[in-house]
Amino acid sequence: MNDIHGQRTSAWDAAVRLPWRRIVSFVIAGLAAAWFLWRVRAILPPFAIALILAALLDPVVSRMTHRGMARGRAVASIFALALLVVLAAAALILPPAVNQVSDLAANVSDYAQRFTSSAESFTQRADRWYEEHRNTLEKLGMTETPSQFMQRQAEPLSQSVQSFLEGVRVALVGMMGQVLWIIIIPLSLFYFLLDYPALRKRIIGFVPAGRRDEVDRIATEVVEVFGAYVRGLTKVCMAYGGTATVLFWILRIPYALFLGIAAGVFYAVPYVGPGLALISVAVICLTTGKGIAFTIVAVVFFVVMHLAFDYGVTPRVVGGSVGLHPLVNIFALMSGVVLFGVWGMILAVPVAASIKRVLAQLYPELMAPPQPASTASQTGDSA
C-alpha cells in the first residue's frame, strides 16, 4: 500500500513540476484535437470500424508471423481468403436468394390480398364462435367480438408497422449513401493491419511509463475477448441461419433460403431479431396460402429451434468463448437492453467479459478460485 501511495505521490510531484507553459500547450493541443475530431466526425466511422477490425484480426496475423511468414504476406493472405469467401457466397448463395426476393417482390400484392381474405375468414369464424359462447365470455369480461377488437387494434398496429417500415427505409437509404465505405474500410484495414504493432506502441506511449506494461496487458485481454466474441457470434449466426434454412426447406415453406439468411442475420440482435424472424415466417406462411394450422406448426418448430440455440448452443459457444458463465451471459444481455437498447444487447457480452478481465488484472484476489474448506480450516487452526 505504501509503495502504491509513493508511486501516486511521485507521479503527482512530477506533474506539478512540469513547466506551466508545457501544461498549457498540452491543454491547447488536446482541445484543438477534440475540436478537429468533432468537425470531421462524419467521416470517422469507417476509419474507426477499420481500426477495430484491425485490432480483432491482429492476433491472427501475429500467429502467422510467428510461424515465419512476413507480415505483409500474412495480411495479403487474409484478404485473399476473405475475397474467396465473398466470391463463393456470391456465386452459391446470392443468385437463389436474389431470385427468391425478386419473386416475393413481384407477388407481394397478391400475397397481401390473400392475407386480407384469410384474416377476414378467420375473423368471421371467430365472431360465430363468440356468438355461440357470448354469455360465458361476457361473464369473463370479454365484451368485444373478435372483429371489434381487431378494428380497435388496427390503427395502432398500422402505425407501428408504418413506423417500422419507415425506419427500415431510412436505414437502407443511409447504407446506400455510404457506398464509399466499401472502399474506405478495406483499404484502411489493410494499412492498419500492416502498421498495427507500431500504431499500438505509439498509442501505449501516451500512458505513463510505469503503467505501460499493465495497460498493454489489459488492452490485449480486452481485444482477445472481443475477438473471441465476434468469432463465436459469427459461428452461431451461421449455424442458426443454416439450421433455419434446412427447417424451412423440410417444412416446404416458400422462400426458405431468404428466410433462413434473414433469421441468421437477425439472430445477432438478441430478442428483437428472432422476433422479427418469427413474424416474417408467420406472414409468409399466411400470405402464400399455407393456412393457419400449418403456420402454427411452422412457428412452433421455429420456436423450438430458437430455444435450442438460446439455451444450448449460444451460451456454450459465445459465452464459453469469452469465459462467461451462462447465467452471467443472460444477466449481461438483460442489463444491456435495459441500459442501452439494441446496441446494449449486442455489446453486453463482450463488455461484461472485458470488465471481468480488467478486474482480474487489477484485483487478482477477486478472481482467484476459492480455497477448499479443509485448507481454510487448517489455515485458521495454524493461526
Protein backbone atom coordinates (compact mmCIF):
# COMPACT_ATOMS: atom_id res chain seq x y z
CA MET A 1 0.00 0.00 0.00
CA ASN A 2 2.84 2.39 0.86
CA ASP A 3 4.52 1.61 -2.48
CA ILE A 4 1.33 2.43 -4.39
CA HIS A 5 0.90 5.64 -2.41
CA GLY A 6 4.50 6.52 -3.10
CA GLN A 7 4.07 5.95 -6.84
CA ARG A 8 0.97 8.16 -6.90
CA THR A 9 2.77 10.86 -4.89
CA SER A 10 5.80 10.81 -7.17
CA ALA A 11 3.58 10.97 -10.26
CA TRP A 12 1.75 13.96 -8.77
CA ASP A 13 5.01 15.66 -7.87
CA ALA A 14 6.29 15.11 -11.41
CA ALA A 15 3.10 16.61 -12.84
CA VAL A 16 3.35 19.61 -10.51
CA ARG A 17 6.97 20.20 -11.50
CA LEU A 18 6.04 20.42 -15.23
CA PRO A 19 6.58 23.92 -16.61
CA TRP A 20 3.30 25.79 -16.82
CA ARG A 21 3.90 26.54 -20.48
CA ARG A 22 4.09 22.81 -21.22
CA ILE A 23 0.85 22.19 -19.34
CA VAL A 24 -0.90 24.97 -21.27
CA SER A 25 0.46 23.54 -24.52
CA PHE A 26 -0.94 20.09 -23.66
CA VAL A 27 -4.35 21.58 -22.86
CA ILE A 28 -4.45 23.65 -26.06
CA ALA A 29 -3.34 20.67 -28.17
CA GLY A 30 -5.98 18.46 -26.57
CA LEU A 31 -8.74 21.00 -27.16
CA ALA A 32 -7.61 21.52 -30.75
CA ALA A 33 -7.60 17.76 -31.39
CA ALA A 34 -11.07 17.40 -29.84
CA TRP A 35 -12.40 20.31 -31.95
CA PHE A 36 -10.90 18.83 -35.12
CA LEU A 37 -12.34 15.36 -34.46
CA TRP A 38 -15.73 16.88 -33.77
CA ARG A 39 -15.64 18.81 -37.04
CA VAL A 40 -14.77 15.70 -39.09
CA ARG A 41 -16.94 13.30 -37.09
CA ALA A 42 -18.99 12.44 -40.19
CA ILE A 43 -16.02 10.70 -41.85
CA LEU A 44 -14.67 8.96 -38.74
CA PRO A 45 -16.92 5.83 -38.60
CA PRO A 46 -15.30 3.89 -41.50
CA PHE A 47 -11.82 4.52 -40.10
CA ALA A 48 -12.98 3.55 -36.60
CA ILE A 49 -14.53 0.34 -37.96
CA ALA A 50 -11.31 -0.46 -39.83
CA LEU A 51 -9.23 0.14 -36.69
CA ILE A 52 -11.48 -2.12 -34.61
CA LEU A 53 -11.30 -4.86 -37.25
CA ALA A 54 -7.52 -4.49 -37.33
CA ALA A 55 -7.36 -4.96 -33.56
CA LEU A 56 -9.54 -8.08 -33.84
CA LEU A 57 -7.54 -9.56 -36.73
CA ASP A 58 -4.09 -8.71 -35.39
CA PRO A 59 -3.85 -11.90 -33.24
CA VAL A 60 -4.38 -13.97 -36.40
CA VAL A 61 -1.70 -12.02 -38.26
CA SER A 62 0.66 -12.33 -35.28
CA ARG A 63 0.26 -16.12 -35.20
CA MET A 64 1.08 -16.27 -38.90
CA THR A 65 4.16 -14.08 -38.46
CA HIS A 66 5.37 -16.21 -35.55
CA ARG A 67 5.38 -19.16 -37.94
CA GLY A 68 7.84 -17.35 -40.17
CA MET A 69 5.56 -15.55 -42.61
CA ALA A 70 6.22 -11.90 -43.37
CA ARG A 71 3.57 -9.55 -42.01
CA GLY A 72 2.72 -8.13 -45.43
CA ARG A 73 2.25 -11.62 -46.86
CA ALA A 74 0.11 -12.63 -43.87
CA VAL A 75 -2.17 -9.61 -44.32
CA ALA A 76 -2.42 -10.28 -48.06
CA SER A 77 -3.30 -13.94 -47.36
CA ILE A 78 -6.14 -12.91 -45.04
CA PHE A 79 -7.51 -10.50 -47.62
CA ALA A 80 -7.27 -13.16 -50.34
CA LEU A 81 -9.12 -15.68 -48.16
CA ALA A 82 -11.83 -13.13 -47.36
CA LEU A 83 -12.20 -12.36 -51.07
CA LEU A 84 -12.57 -16.06 -51.89
CA VAL A 85 -15.25 -16.46 -49.22
CA VAL A 86 -17.17 -13.44 -50.52
CA LEU A 87 -16.94 -14.68 -54.12
CA ALA A 88 -18.05 -18.20 -53.14
CA ALA A 89 -21.01 -16.82 -51.20
CA ALA A 90 -21.90 -14.54 -54.09
CA ALA A 91 -21.78 -17.44 -56.54
CA LEU A 92 -23.58 -20.09 -54.48
CA ILE A 93 -25.97 -18.23 -52.19
CA LEU A 94 -26.62 -14.83 -53.71
CA PRO A 95 -28.33 -15.87 -57.01
CA PRO A 96 -31.05 -18.08 -55.47
CA ALA A 97 -31.57 -15.58 -52.64
CA VAL A 98 -31.97 -12.73 -55.13
CA ASN A 99 -34.39 -14.83 -57.18
CA GLN A 100 -36.49 -15.52 -54.10
CA VAL A 101 -36.53 -11.84 -53.11
CA SER A 102 -37.48 -10.84 -56.67
CA ASP A 103 -40.30 -13.39 -56.73
CA LEU A 104 -41.52 -12.17 -53.34
CA ALA A 105 -41.50 -8.55 -54.52
CA ALA A 106 -43.35 -9.47 -57.73
CA ASN A 107 -46.12 -11.29 -55.85
CA VAL A 108 -46.41 -9.08 -52.79
CA SER A 109 -49.73 -7.53 -53.89
CA ASP A 110 -51.26 -10.98 -54.50
CA TYR A 111 -49.98 -12.18 -51.13
CA ALA A 112 -51.45 -9.10 -49.44
CA GLN A 113 -54.89 -9.89 -50.91
CA ARG A 114 -54.62 -13.49 -49.74
CA PHE A 115 -53.65 -12.34 -46.27
CA THR A 116 -56.61 -9.96 -46.15
CA SER A 117 -59.06 -12.64 -47.23
CA SER A 118 -57.58 -15.13 -44.75
CA ALA A 119 -57.85 -12.58 -41.96
CA GLU A 120 -61.48 -11.84 -42.86
CA SER A 121 -62.33 -15.54 -42.95
CA PHE A 122 -60.66 -16.09 -39.59
CA THR A 123 -62.49 -13.10 -38.09
CA GLN A 124 -65.86 -14.36 -39.33
CA ARG A 125 -65.29 -17.80 -37.80
CA ALA A 126 -64.14 -16.18 -34.56
CA ASP A 127 -67.27 -13.97 -34.48
CA ARG A 128 -69.53 -17.00 -34.95
CA TRP A 129 -67.74 -18.81 -32.14
CA TYR A 130 -68.10 -15.71 -29.94
CA GLU A 131 -71.85 -15.51 -30.59
CA GLU A 132 -72.23 -19.17 -29.65
CA HIS A 133 -70.50 -18.57 -26.30
CA ARG A 134 -71.43 -14.91 -25.73
CA ASN A 135 -72.97 -15.37 -22.27
CA THR A 136 -69.98 -17.23 -20.89
CA LEU A 137 -67.46 -14.86 -22.44
CA GLU A 138 -69.27 -11.74 -21.21
CA LYS A 139 -69.20 -13.14 -17.68
CA LEU A 140 -65.43 -13.43 -18.08
CA GLY A 141 -65.23 -9.77 -19.09
CA MET A 142 -64.87 -10.28 -22.86
CA THR A 143 -67.48 -7.83 -24.15
CA GLU A 144 -65.99 -7.25 -27.61
CA THR A 145 -66.34 -9.51 -30.60
CA PRO A 146 -63.07 -10.50 -32.30
CA SER A 147 -63.86 -8.21 -35.25
CA GLN A 148 -64.46 -5.25 -32.92
CA PHE A 149 -61.23 -5.97 -31.10
CA MET A 150 -59.26 -6.19 -34.34
CA GLN A 151 -60.78 -2.96 -35.64
CA ARG A 152 -59.80 -1.19 -32.42
CA GLN A 153 -56.24 -2.51 -32.67
CA ALA A 154 -55.88 -1.99 -36.41
CA GLU A 155 -54.94 1.70 -36.32
CA PRO A 156 -52.13 1.50 -33.70
CA LEU A 157 -50.86 -1.68 -35.34
CA SER A 158 -50.83 0.01 -38.73
CA GLN A 159 -48.98 2.99 -37.29
CA SER A 160 -46.40 0.68 -35.71
CA VAL A 161 -45.86 -1.19 -38.97
CA GLN A 162 -45.56 2.06 -40.92
CA SER A 163 -43.04 3.49 -38.46
CA PHE A 164 -41.03 0.27 -38.60
CA LEU A 165 -41.00 0.25 -42.40
CA GLU A 166 -40.03 3.91 -42.43
CA GLY A 167 -37.14 3.13 -40.09
CA VAL A 168 -36.02 0.32 -42.38
CA ARG A 169 -36.27 2.63 -45.39
CA VAL A 170 -34.21 5.33 -43.68
CA ALA A 171 -31.60 2.76 -42.65
CA LEU A 172 -31.36 1.37 -46.18
CA VAL A 173 -31.07 4.85 -47.69
CA GLY A 174 -28.36 5.67 -45.17
CA MET A 175 -26.47 2.50 -46.02
CA MET A 176 -26.72 3.19 -49.75
CA GLY A 177 -25.42 6.67 -49.09
CA GLN A 178 -22.30 5.17 -47.52
CA VAL A 179 -21.22 3.16 -50.56
CA LEU A 180 -17.83 4.84 -50.29
CA TRP A 181 -17.31 2.93 -47.03
CA ILE A 182 -16.97 -0.27 -49.09
CA ILE A 183 -13.73 1.18 -50.44
CA ILE A 184 -12.51 3.07 -47.37
CA ILE A 185 -12.91 0.27 -44.81
CA PRO A 186 -10.93 -2.48 -46.63
CA LEU A 187 -8.22 -0.04 -47.71
CA SER A 188 -7.86 1.40 -44.21
CA LEU A 189 -7.97 -2.08 -42.70
CA PHE A 190 -5.11 -3.21 -44.93
CA TYR A 191 -2.80 -0.40 -43.83
CA PHE A 192 -3.90 -0.61 -40.19
CA LEU A 193 -3.01 -4.31 -40.16
CA LEU A 194 0.36 -3.66 -41.77
CA ASP A 195 1.32 -0.98 -39.24
CA TYR A 196 -0.67 -2.22 -36.24
CA PRO A 197 2.31 -3.09 -33.96
CA ALA A 198 3.88 0.36 -34.47
CA LEU A 199 0.50 2.06 -34.08
CA ARG A 200 -0.15 0.14 -30.87
CA LYS A 201 3.22 1.20 -29.43
CA ARG A 202 2.51 4.84 -30.24
CA ILE A 203 -0.86 4.72 -28.52
CA ILE A 204 0.58 2.96 -25.45
CA GLY A 205 3.33 5.59 -25.44
CA PHE A 206 0.83 8.17 -24.18
CA VAL A 207 0.48 6.14 -20.96
CA PRO A 208 2.92 6.90 -18.11
CA ALA A 209 6.00 4.66 -18.29
CA GLY A 210 5.22 2.88 -15.03
CA ARG A 211 1.79 1.77 -16.27
CA ARG A 212 2.54 0.87 -19.89
CA ASP A 213 3.04 -2.86 -19.36
CA GLU A 214 -0.14 -3.15 -17.32
CA VAL A 215 -2.22 -1.12 -19.79
CA ASP A 216 -0.76 -3.09 -22.71
CA ARG A 217 -1.64 -6.37 -21.00
CA ILE A 218 -5.20 -5.23 -20.22
CA ALA A 219 -5.69 -3.94 -23.78
CA THR A 220 -4.53 -7.29 -25.14
CA GLU A 221 -7.02 -9.10 -22.89
CA VAL A 222 -9.90 -6.85 -24.00
CA VAL A 223 -9.07 -7.29 -27.69
CA GLU A 224 -8.91 -11.06 -27.23
CA VAL A 225 -12.32 -11.01 -25.55
CA PHE A 226 -13.96 -9.02 -28.35
CA GLY A 227 -12.27 -11.17 -30.98
CA ALA A 228 -13.49 -14.37 -29.33
CA TYR A 229 -16.99 -12.92 -29.06
CA VAL A 230 -17.13 -11.87 -32.71
CA ARG A 231 -15.87 -15.28 -33.84
CA GLY A 232 -18.33 -17.09 -31.58
CA LEU A 233 -21.28 -14.92 -32.61
CA THR A 234 -20.41 -15.37 -36.29
CA LYS A 235 -20.33 -19.15 -35.89
CA VAL A 236 -23.66 -19.18 -34.05
CA CYS A 237 -25.38 -16.88 -36.57
CA MET A 238 -24.16 -19.01 -39.48
CA ALA A 239 -25.32 -22.20 -37.74
CA TYR A 240 -28.64 -20.59 -36.83
CA GLY A 241 -29.24 -19.39 -40.38
CA GLY A 242 -28.25 -22.75 -41.85
CA THR A 243 -30.45 -24.70 -39.43
CA ALA A 244 -33.38 -22.36 -40.08
CA THR A 245 -32.94 -22.75 -43.84
CA VAL A 246 -32.96 -26.55 -43.58
CA LEU A 247 -36.01 -26.44 -41.28
CA PHE A 248 -37.94 -24.18 -43.64
CA TRP A 249 -36.96 -26.37 -46.60
CA ILE A 250 -38.15 -29.53 -44.81
CA LEU A 251 -41.46 -27.83 -43.95
CA ARG A 252 -41.76 -26.64 -47.58
CA ILE A 253 -42.06 -23.01 -46.53
CA PRO A 254 -41.71 -20.69 -49.55
CA TYR A 255 -38.57 -18.55 -49.77
CA ALA A 256 -36.74 -20.85 -47.35
CA LEU A 257 -33.26 -19.60 -48.26
CA PHE A 258 -34.21 -15.93 -47.95
CA LEU A 259 -35.96 -16.52 -44.61
CA GLY A 260 -33.02 -18.58 -43.31
CA ILE A 261 -30.46 -15.92 -44.22
CA ALA A 262 -32.65 -13.24 -42.64
CA ALA A 263 -33.03 -15.34 -39.48
CA GLY A 264 -29.25 -15.78 -39.22
CA VAL A 265 -28.65 -12.04 -39.61
CA PHE A 266 -31.44 -11.12 -37.18
CA TYR A 267 -30.09 -13.54 -34.56
CA ALA A 268 -27.18 -11.16 -33.94
CA VAL A 269 -29.69 -8.86 -32.22
CA PRO A 270 -30.98 -10.73 -29.13
CA TYR A 271 -34.73 -10.88 -28.50
CA VAL A 272 -35.71 -8.35 -31.20
CA GLY A 273 -34.04 -10.14 -34.12
CA PRO A 274 -35.59 -13.59 -33.57
CA GLY A 275 -38.96 -11.89 -33.05
CA LEU A 276 -38.69 -10.27 -36.47
CA ALA A 277 -37.71 -13.61 -38.00
CA LEU A 278 -40.69 -15.31 -36.34
CA ILE A 279 -43.09 -12.66 -37.65
CA SER A 280 -41.59 -12.98 -41.14
CA VAL A 281 -42.13 -16.75 -41.15
CA ALA A 282 -45.74 -16.41 -39.97
CA VAL A 283 -46.55 -13.72 -42.53
CA ILE A 284 -45.00 -15.71 -45.41
CA CYS A 285 -46.93 -18.83 -44.42
CA LEU A 286 -50.23 -16.98 -44.16
CA THR A 287 -49.85 -14.96 -47.35
CA THR A 288 -48.78 -17.91 -49.50
CA GLY A 289 -51.91 -19.87 -48.65
CA LYS A 290 -50.42 -22.38 -46.22
CA GLY A 291 -53.27 -21.96 -43.76
CA ILE A 292 -53.45 -21.20 -40.06
CA ALA A 293 -52.78 -24.77 -38.89
CA PHE A 294 -49.60 -25.03 -40.97
CA THR A 295 -48.50 -21.58 -39.78
CA ILE A 296 -48.89 -22.63 -36.15
CA VAL A 297 -46.87 -25.80 -36.78
CA ALA A 298 -44.12 -23.82 -38.53
CA VAL A 299 -43.99 -21.26 -35.73
CA VAL A 300 -43.80 -24.00 -33.08
CA PHE A 301 -40.90 -25.73 -34.86
CA PHE A 302 -39.10 -22.42 -35.28
CA VAL A 303 -39.56 -21.54 -31.59
CA VAL A 304 -38.23 -24.96 -30.55
CA MET A 305 -35.17 -24.46 -32.76
CA HIS A 306 -34.65 -20.96 -31.38
CA LEU A 307 -34.86 -22.14 -27.76
CA ALA A 308 -32.38 -24.91 -28.51
CA PHE A 309 -29.90 -22.30 -29.74
CA ASP A 310 -30.65 -19.81 -26.96
CA TYR A 311 -30.18 -22.26 -24.10
CA GLY A 312 -27.97 -24.94 -25.63
CA VAL A 313 -25.69 -23.57 -28.34
CA THR A 314 -25.22 -19.84 -27.81
CA PRO A 315 -24.29 -19.84 -24.09
CA ARG A 316 -21.66 -22.51 -24.73
CA VAL A 317 -20.19 -21.10 -27.95
CA VAL A 318 -20.44 -17.35 -27.33
CA GLY A 319 -20.43 -17.27 -23.54
CA GLY A 320 -17.81 -20.00 -23.34
CA SER A 321 -15.57 -18.31 -25.90
CA VAL A 322 -15.33 -15.20 -23.73
CA GLY A 323 -15.12 -17.06 -20.43
CA LEU A 324 -18.53 -16.14 -19.02
CA HIS A 325 -20.89 -18.35 -17.09
CA PRO A 326 -24.24 -18.81 -18.91
CA LEU A 327 -26.09 -17.05 -16.06
CA VAL A 328 -23.72 -14.08 -16.28
CA ASN A 329 -24.26 -14.07 -20.02
CA ILE A 330 -28.05 -13.86 -19.63
CA PHE A 331 -27.77 -11.19 -16.91
CA ALA A 332 -25.46 -9.11 -19.11
CA LEU A 333 -27.91 -9.29 -22.02
CA MET A 334 -30.82 -8.18 -19.84
CA SER A 335 -28.76 -5.34 -18.34
CA GLY A 336 -27.66 -4.21 -21.79
CA VAL A 337 -31.19 -3.97 -23.16
CA VAL A 338 -32.37 -2.03 -20.10
CA LEU A 339 -29.49 0.44 -20.26
CA PHE A 340 -28.77 0.91 -23.97
CA GLY A 341 -31.42 -0.89 -26.02
CA VAL A 342 -30.43 -2.87 -29.11
CA TRP A 343 -26.77 -1.81 -29.09
CA GLY A 344 -26.62 -2.72 -25.42
CA MET A 345 -27.84 -6.23 -26.24
CA ILE A 346 -25.25 -6.65 -28.98
CA LEU A 347 -22.30 -5.40 -26.92
CA ALA A 348 -23.37 -6.62 -23.45
CA VAL A 349 -21.49 -9.93 -23.51
CA PRO A 350 -18.06 -8.68 -24.69
CA VAL A 351 -18.29 -5.65 -22.38
CA ALA A 352 -19.09 -7.90 -19.40
CA ALA A 353 -16.22 -10.22 -20.31
CA SER A 354 -13.87 -7.25 -20.71
CA ILE A 355 -14.86 -5.95 -17.27
CA LYS A 356 -14.12 -9.39 -15.87
CA ARG A 357 -10.65 -9.44 -17.47
CA VAL A 358 -9.85 -5.90 -16.27
CA LEU A 359 -10.91 -6.77 -12.71
CA ALA A 360 -8.79 -9.92 -12.89
CA GLN A 361 -5.75 -7.79 -13.77
CA LEU A 362 -6.39 -5.04 -11.22
CA TYR A 363 -7.73 -7.21 -8.38
CA PRO A 364 -6.50 -10.78 -8.92
CA GLU A 365 -7.64 -11.82 -5.45
CA LEU A 366 -11.28 -11.28 -6.50
CA MET A 367 -10.99 -13.73 -9.40
CA ALA A 368 -8.90 -16.33 -7.56
CA PRO A 369 -10.68 -19.68 -7.07
CA PRO A 370 -11.95 -20.20 -3.51
CA GLN A 371 -9.83 -22.33 -1.21
CA PRO A 372 -11.16 -25.74 -0.20
CA ALA A 373 -12.83 -25.87 3.19
CA SER A 374 -10.16 -28.20 4.60
CA THR A 375 -7.36 -25.83 3.57
CA ALA A 376 -9.18 -22.85 5.04
CA SER A 377 -9.77 -24.67 8.35
CA GLN A 378 -6.11 -25.75 8.55
CA THR A 379 -5.04 -22.16 7.95
CA GLY A 380 -7.34 -20.97 10.72
CA ASP A 381 -6.04 -23.65 13.14
CA SER A 382 -2.41 -22.80 12.42
CA ALA A 383 -3.17 -19.14 13.06
